[in-house]
Each structure stands twice: as structure tokens, then as C-alpha cells.
Amino acid sequence: MPWNETGLSKFGDPIRKPYRVAFSVEATDGGYICDVHPAFACYISHLLTSE
């Protein structure tokens, strides 16, 4: 996972879309593993739960 120099600044504002998104999808024997950057997951969660 890419971190910037401060490490936690990408978690600052969950409403604002992260400027750099990191994710990967790997095929496994029984399906897929999807690894999503926490800042992007927080942003998507906010979009899905806001009214």
C-alpha cells in the first residue's frame, strides 16, 4: 500500500475523494481477493451512507 511521507494524511477527510487510489485484485483458487486502500474504502462508505 502506498503511503505518503506523513503516513496518515490520506485518512484526513472521508468526504473528499482521495487524489491517489491504490487497489489490487488477485485471483485465488476459490475466487478473488480485492485489496483497497483504506482512504478509498472510507470515501465509498461515506457515499453509500450519506443521504
N, C-alpha and C. Protein backbone atom coordinates (compact mmCIF):
# COMPACT_ATOMS: atom_id res chain seq x y z
N MET A 1 0.83 -1.17 0.00
CA MET A 1 0.00 0.00 0.00
C MET A 1 0.88 1.24 0.00
N PRO A 2 0.59 2.17 -0.88
CA PRO A 2 1.42 3.38 -0.90
C PRO A 2 1.04 4.35 0.22
N TRP A 3 2.02 4.80 0.94
CA TRP A 3 1.80 5.79 2.00
C TRP A 3 2.59 7.03 1.63
N ASN A 4 2.07 8.18 1.97
CA ASN A 4 2.85 9.39 1.74
C ASN A 4 3.77 9.62 2.93
N GLU A 5 4.49 10.74 2.91
CA GLU A 5 5.50 10.93 3.95
C GLU A 5 4.93 11.00 5.35
N THR A 6 3.72 11.51 5.54
CA THR A 6 3.16 11.61 6.88
C THR A 6 2.44 10.35 7.30
N GLY A 7 2.13 9.47 6.36
CA GLY A 7 1.54 8.19 6.71
C GLY A 7 0.04 8.21 6.90
N LEU A 8 -0.48 9.18 7.65
CA LEU A 8 -1.91 9.18 7.97
C LEU A 8 -2.69 10.27 7.27
N SER A 9 -2.07 11.12 6.48
CA SER A 9 -2.79 12.26 5.91
C SER A 9 -3.86 11.84 4.91
N LYS A 10 -3.78 10.65 4.36
CA LYS A 10 -4.80 10.19 3.43
C LYS A 10 -6.10 9.83 4.14
N PHE A 11 -6.09 9.75 5.46
CA PHE A 11 -7.30 9.43 6.21
C PHE A 11 -7.99 10.69 6.72
N GLY A 12 -7.50 11.86 6.35
CA GLY A 12 -8.00 13.10 6.92
C GLY A 12 -9.47 13.37 6.72
N ASP A 13 -9.96 13.47 5.50
CA ASP A 13 -11.33 13.89 5.24
C ASP A 13 -12.03 12.83 4.41
N PRO A 14 -12.91 12.01 5.01
CA PRO A 14 -13.55 10.92 4.26
C PRO A 14 -14.53 11.40 3.20
N ILE A 15 -14.94 12.67 3.28
CA ILE A 15 -15.89 13.18 2.29
C ILE A 15 -15.19 13.49 0.98
N ARG A 16 -13.94 13.92 1.05
CA ARG A 16 -13.20 14.28 -0.15
C ARG A 16 -12.61 13.04 -0.81
N LYS A 17 -12.76 12.93 -2.11
CA LYS A 17 -12.22 11.79 -2.85
C LYS A 17 -10.70 11.80 -2.77
N PRO A 18 -10.08 10.67 -2.43
CA PRO A 18 -8.61 10.62 -2.40
C PRO A 18 -8.03 10.90 -3.78
N TYR A 19 -6.94 11.66 -3.82
CA TYR A 19 -6.35 12.01 -5.12
C TYR A 19 -5.60 10.85 -5.74
N ARG A 20 -5.20 9.88 -4.93
CA ARG A 20 -4.50 8.72 -5.47
C ARG A 20 -5.10 7.47 -4.84
N VAL A 21 -5.59 6.59 -5.68
CA VAL A 21 -6.27 5.39 -5.20
C VAL A 21 -5.42 4.18 -5.52
N ALA A 22 -5.23 3.31 -4.54
CA ALA A 22 -4.46 2.09 -4.74
C ALA A 22 -5.35 0.89 -4.47
N PHE A 23 -5.39 -0.02 -5.41
CA PHE A 23 -6.13 -1.25 -5.19
C PHE A 23 -5.51 -2.35 -6.03
N SER A 24 -5.78 -3.57 -5.66
CA SER A 24 -5.32 -4.71 -6.44
C SER A 24 -6.34 -5.82 -6.33
N VAL A 25 -6.42 -6.62 -7.37
CA VAL A 25 -7.31 -7.77 -7.39
C VAL A 25 -6.47 -8.98 -7.79
N GLU A 26 -6.52 -10.01 -6.97
CA GLU A 26 -5.76 -11.22 -7.25
C GLU A 26 -6.70 -12.41 -7.33
N ALA A 27 -6.51 -13.26 -8.34
CA ALA A 27 -7.30 -14.48 -8.46
C ALA A 27 -6.75 -15.53 -7.50
N THR A 28 -7.65 -16.21 -6.81
CA THR A 28 -7.25 -17.31 -5.94
C THR A 28 -7.98 -18.57 -6.39
N ASP A 29 -7.73 -19.64 -5.70
CA ASP A 29 -8.35 -20.92 -6.07
C ASP A 29 -9.87 -20.86 -5.98
N GLY A 30 -10.39 -20.17 -4.98
CA GLY A 30 -11.84 -20.14 -4.77
C GLY A 30 -12.51 -18.84 -5.19
N GLY A 31 -11.80 -17.91 -5.77
CA GLY A 31 -12.41 -16.64 -6.16
C GLY A 31 -11.37 -15.54 -6.33
N TYR A 32 -11.63 -14.40 -5.71
CA TYR A 32 -10.75 -13.24 -5.85
C TYR A 32 -10.51 -12.59 -4.49
N ILE A 33 -9.36 -11.95 -4.38
CA ILE A 33 -9.04 -11.13 -3.22
C ILE A 33 -8.86 -9.71 -3.73
N CYS A 34 -9.63 -8.79 -3.16
CA CYS A 34 -9.56 -7.38 -3.55
C CYS A 34 -8.98 -6.58 -2.39
N ASP A 35 -7.88 -5.89 -2.63
CA ASP A 35 -7.23 -5.07 -1.62
C ASP A 35 -7.43 -3.61 -2.00
N VAL A 36 -8.16 -2.86 -1.18
CA VAL A 36 -8.49 -1.47 -1.47
C VAL A 36 -7.84 -0.57 -0.42
N HIS A 37 -7.30 0.55 -0.85
CA HIS A 37 -6.69 1.50 0.08
C HIS A 37 -7.75 1.99 1.06
N PRO A 38 -7.43 2.07 2.35
CA PRO A 38 -8.41 2.48 3.36
C PRO A 38 -9.07 3.84 3.10
N ALA A 39 -8.34 4.79 2.54
CA ALA A 39 -8.92 6.10 2.26
C ALA A 39 -10.02 5.99 1.21
N PHE A 40 -9.81 5.14 0.20
CA PHE A 40 -10.82 4.95 -0.84
C PHE A 40 -12.02 4.22 -0.27
N ALA A 41 -11.79 3.22 0.58
CA ALA A 41 -12.90 2.49 1.21
C ALA A 41 -13.73 3.43 2.08
N CYS A 42 -13.09 4.33 2.79
CA CYS A 42 -13.79 5.29 3.63
C CYS A 42 -14.62 6.24 2.77
N TYR A 43 -14.08 6.69 1.65
CA TYR A 43 -14.79 7.58 0.73
C TYR A 43 -16.03 6.89 0.16
N ILE A 44 -15.89 5.64 -0.29
CA ILE A 44 -17.03 4.89 -0.84
C ILE A 44 -18.08 4.66 0.25
N SER A 45 -17.65 4.33 1.45
CA SER A 45 -18.57 4.12 2.55
C SER A 45 -19.38 5.39 2.83
N HIS A 46 -18.71 6.53 2.79
CA HIS A 46 -19.40 7.79 3.01
C HIS A 46 -20.43 8.05 1.90
N LEU A 47 -20.07 7.77 0.66
CA LEU A 47 -21.01 7.96 -0.45
C LEU A 47 -22.24 7.09 -0.31
N LEU A 48 -22.05 5.85 0.14
CA LEU A 48 -23.16 4.91 0.24
C LEU A 48 -24.05 5.18 1.45
N THR A 49 -23.52 5.82 2.48
CA THR A 49 -24.31 6.04 3.69
C THR A 49 -24.87 7.45 3.81
N SER A 50 -24.43 8.38 2.96
CA SER A 50 -24.95 9.74 3.05
C SER A 50 -26.31 9.84 2.37
N GLU A 51 -27.14 10.74 2.89
CA GLU A 51 -28.49 10.89 2.33
C GLU A 51 -28.55 12.04 1.37
